[in-house]
Amino acid sequence: MATTQVQTVSTGVDKAKLAAAAALVVAALAAFYLFSKQGALVQWAVLLLGLAAAIVVFFTAEPGKELYAFGRDAWREVKKVVWPARKEAIQMTVYVFVFVLVMALFLWLTDKTLEWLFYDLILGWKK
């Protein structure tokens, strides 16, 4: 049976780091608009620097470290995947397209047959 675990930020230091990261994001956005008269280059530089600082602060907190570890583990798992060869991928794609076309044709024929059955034969509503 799967257990659901809810993780919360437990230490005051982590809460402060997350609050600081959020404040840095807000400050970066505010600075972006405050520096509108300095030019686009300055605006974007301030925004990117503020967001980079927020990311650094976030990744020093425990949730950031856990997110980084999760990403590292996920990348390790992706490297283990045996990817199909080009020929096999193209072949499977063709199979999918053919199946979709066959199903579309089947559904269209079913729809037209039921339409003919109900409207023409049973109800007598000729078009």
Protein backbone atom coordinates (compact mmCIF):
# COMPACT_ATOMS: atom_id res chain seq x y z
CA MET A 1 0.00 0.00 0.00
CA ALA A 2 1.33 3.41 -0.89
CA THR A 3 1.80 5.87 1.89
CA THR A 4 1.32 9.53 1.29
CA GLN A 5 3.77 11.77 3.03
CA VAL A 6 3.29 15.47 3.28
CA GLN A 7 6.57 17.27 3.69
CA THR A 8 6.59 20.60 5.39
CA VAL A 9 9.37 23.04 6.06
CA SER A 10 10.31 22.27 9.63
CA THR A 11 13.09 24.63 10.61
CA GLY A 12 12.84 28.34 11.03
CA VAL A 13 15.99 28.82 8.98
CA ASP A 14 14.45 27.04 5.99
CA LYS A 15 11.28 29.08 6.32
CA ALA A 16 13.36 32.25 6.38
CA LYS A 17 15.32 31.16 3.30
CA LEU A 18 12.12 30.40 1.38
CA ALA A 19 10.63 33.73 2.44
CA ALA A 20 13.83 35.48 1.33
CA ALA A 21 13.72 33.71 -2.02
CA ALA A 22 10.11 34.78 -2.53
CA ALA A 23 10.99 38.35 -1.49
CA LEU A 24 13.88 38.36 -3.98
CA VAL A 25 11.54 37.30 -6.79
CA VAL A 26 9.11 40.09 -5.90
CA ALA A 27 11.98 42.59 -5.59
CA ALA A 28 13.39 41.52 -8.97
CA LEU A 29 10.01 42.04 -10.62
CA ALA A 30 9.56 45.40 -8.92
CA ALA A 31 13.07 46.48 -9.93
CA PHE A 32 12.35 45.46 -13.51
CA TYR A 33 9.53 47.99 -13.67
CA LEU A 34 11.31 50.63 -11.57
CA PHE A 35 14.30 50.66 -13.93
CA SER A 36 12.16 51.14 -17.04
CA LYS A 37 13.72 54.56 -17.73
CA GLN A 38 17.28 53.15 -17.64
CA GLY A 39 16.71 51.04 -20.72
CA ALA A 40 15.89 47.47 -21.58
CA LEU A 41 19.41 46.17 -20.96
CA VAL A 42 19.46 47.44 -17.38
CA GLN A 43 15.92 46.21 -16.79
CA TRP A 44 16.69 42.68 -17.90
CA ALA A 45 20.02 42.62 -16.08
CA VAL A 46 18.35 43.59 -12.79
CA LEU A 47 15.58 41.06 -13.32
CA LEU A 48 17.96 38.22 -14.16
CA LEU A 49 20.29 39.04 -11.27
CA GLY A 50 17.40 39.15 -8.83
CA LEU A 51 16.00 35.85 -10.08
CA ALA A 52 19.45 34.25 -9.96
CA ALA A 53 19.85 35.40 -6.36
CA ALA A 54 16.42 33.95 -5.51
CA ILE A 55 17.37 30.63 -7.08
CA VAL A 56 20.64 30.51 -5.13
CA VAL A 57 18.83 31.24 -1.87
CA PHE A 58 16.15 28.64 -2.66
CA PHE A 59 18.68 25.92 -3.37
CA THR A 60 20.45 26.53 -0.06
CA ALA A 61 17.23 25.66 1.81
CA GLU A 62 16.31 22.04 2.49
CA PRO A 63 13.43 21.92 -0.06
CA GLY A 64 15.82 23.24 -2.70
CA LYS A 65 18.40 20.60 -1.84
CA GLU A 66 15.70 17.92 -2.05
CA LEU A 67 14.56 19.26 -5.43
CA TYR A 68 18.13 19.18 -6.70
CA ALA A 69 18.58 15.61 -5.44
CA PHE A 70 15.32 14.59 -7.12
CA GLY A 71 16.45 16.11 -10.42
CA ARG A 72 19.81 14.38 -10.16
CA ASP A 73 18.15 11.02 -9.48
CA ALA A 74 15.67 11.54 -12.30
CA TRP A 75 18.52 12.32 -14.71
CA ARG A 76 20.31 9.18 -13.56
CA GLU A 77 17.17 7.14 -14.32
CA VAL A 78 16.78 8.74 -17.76
CA LYS A 79 20.31 7.62 -18.60
CA LYS A 80 19.26 4.02 -17.87
CA VAL A 81 16.46 4.09 -20.44
CA VAL A 82 17.05 2.08 -23.58
CA TRP A 83 15.85 4.38 -26.34
CA PRO A 84 14.50 2.88 -29.56
CA ALA A 85 16.53 3.03 -32.74
CA ARG A 86 15.47 5.46 -35.45
CA LYS A 87 14.00 2.68 -37.59
CA GLU A 88 11.97 1.30 -34.68
CA ALA A 89 10.68 4.76 -33.71
CA ILE A 90 9.57 5.50 -37.27
CA GLN A 91 7.95 2.08 -37.53
CA MET A 92 5.97 2.57 -34.31
CA THR A 93 4.92 6.06 -35.42
CA VAL A 94 3.58 4.64 -38.69
CA TYR A 95 1.66 1.97 -36.74
CA VAL A 96 0.04 4.66 -34.60
CA PHE A 97 -0.97 6.76 -37.61
CA VAL A 98 -2.43 3.72 -39.40
CA PHE A 99 -4.36 2.75 -36.27
CA VAL A 100 -5.74 6.28 -35.93
CA LEU A 101 -6.85 6.30 -39.57
CA VAL A 102 -8.51 2.88 -39.26
CA MET A 103 -10.33 3.97 -36.09
CA ALA A 104 -11.43 7.23 -37.70
CA LEU A 105 -12.81 5.34 -40.68
CA PHE A 106 -14.57 2.84 -38.39
CA LEU A 107 -16.16 5.60 -36.29
CA TRP A 108 -17.22 7.53 -39.39
CA LEU A 109 -18.84 4.42 -40.90
CA THR A 110 -20.55 3.62 -37.61
CA ASP A 111 -21.87 7.17 -37.36
CA LYS A 112 -23.17 7.17 -40.93
CA THR A 113 -24.76 3.75 -40.49
CA LEU A 114 -26.56 4.81 -37.31
CA GLU A 115 -27.59 8.07 -38.96
CA TRP A 116 -29.06 6.17 -41.90
CA LEU A 117 -30.72 3.65 -39.59
CA PHE A 118 -32.37 6.16 -37.28
CA TYR A 119 -33.14 9.09 -39.56
CA ASP A 120 -34.03 7.33 -42.79
CA LEU A 121 -35.46 3.96 -41.77
CA ILE A 122 -36.93 4.43 -38.29
CA LEU A 123 -37.97 8.10 -38.21
CA GLY A 124 -38.41 8.59 -41.94
CA TRP A 125 -36.62 11.96 -41.96
CA LYS A 126 -35.09 12.01 -45.38
CA LYS A 127 -32.58 14.75 -45.99
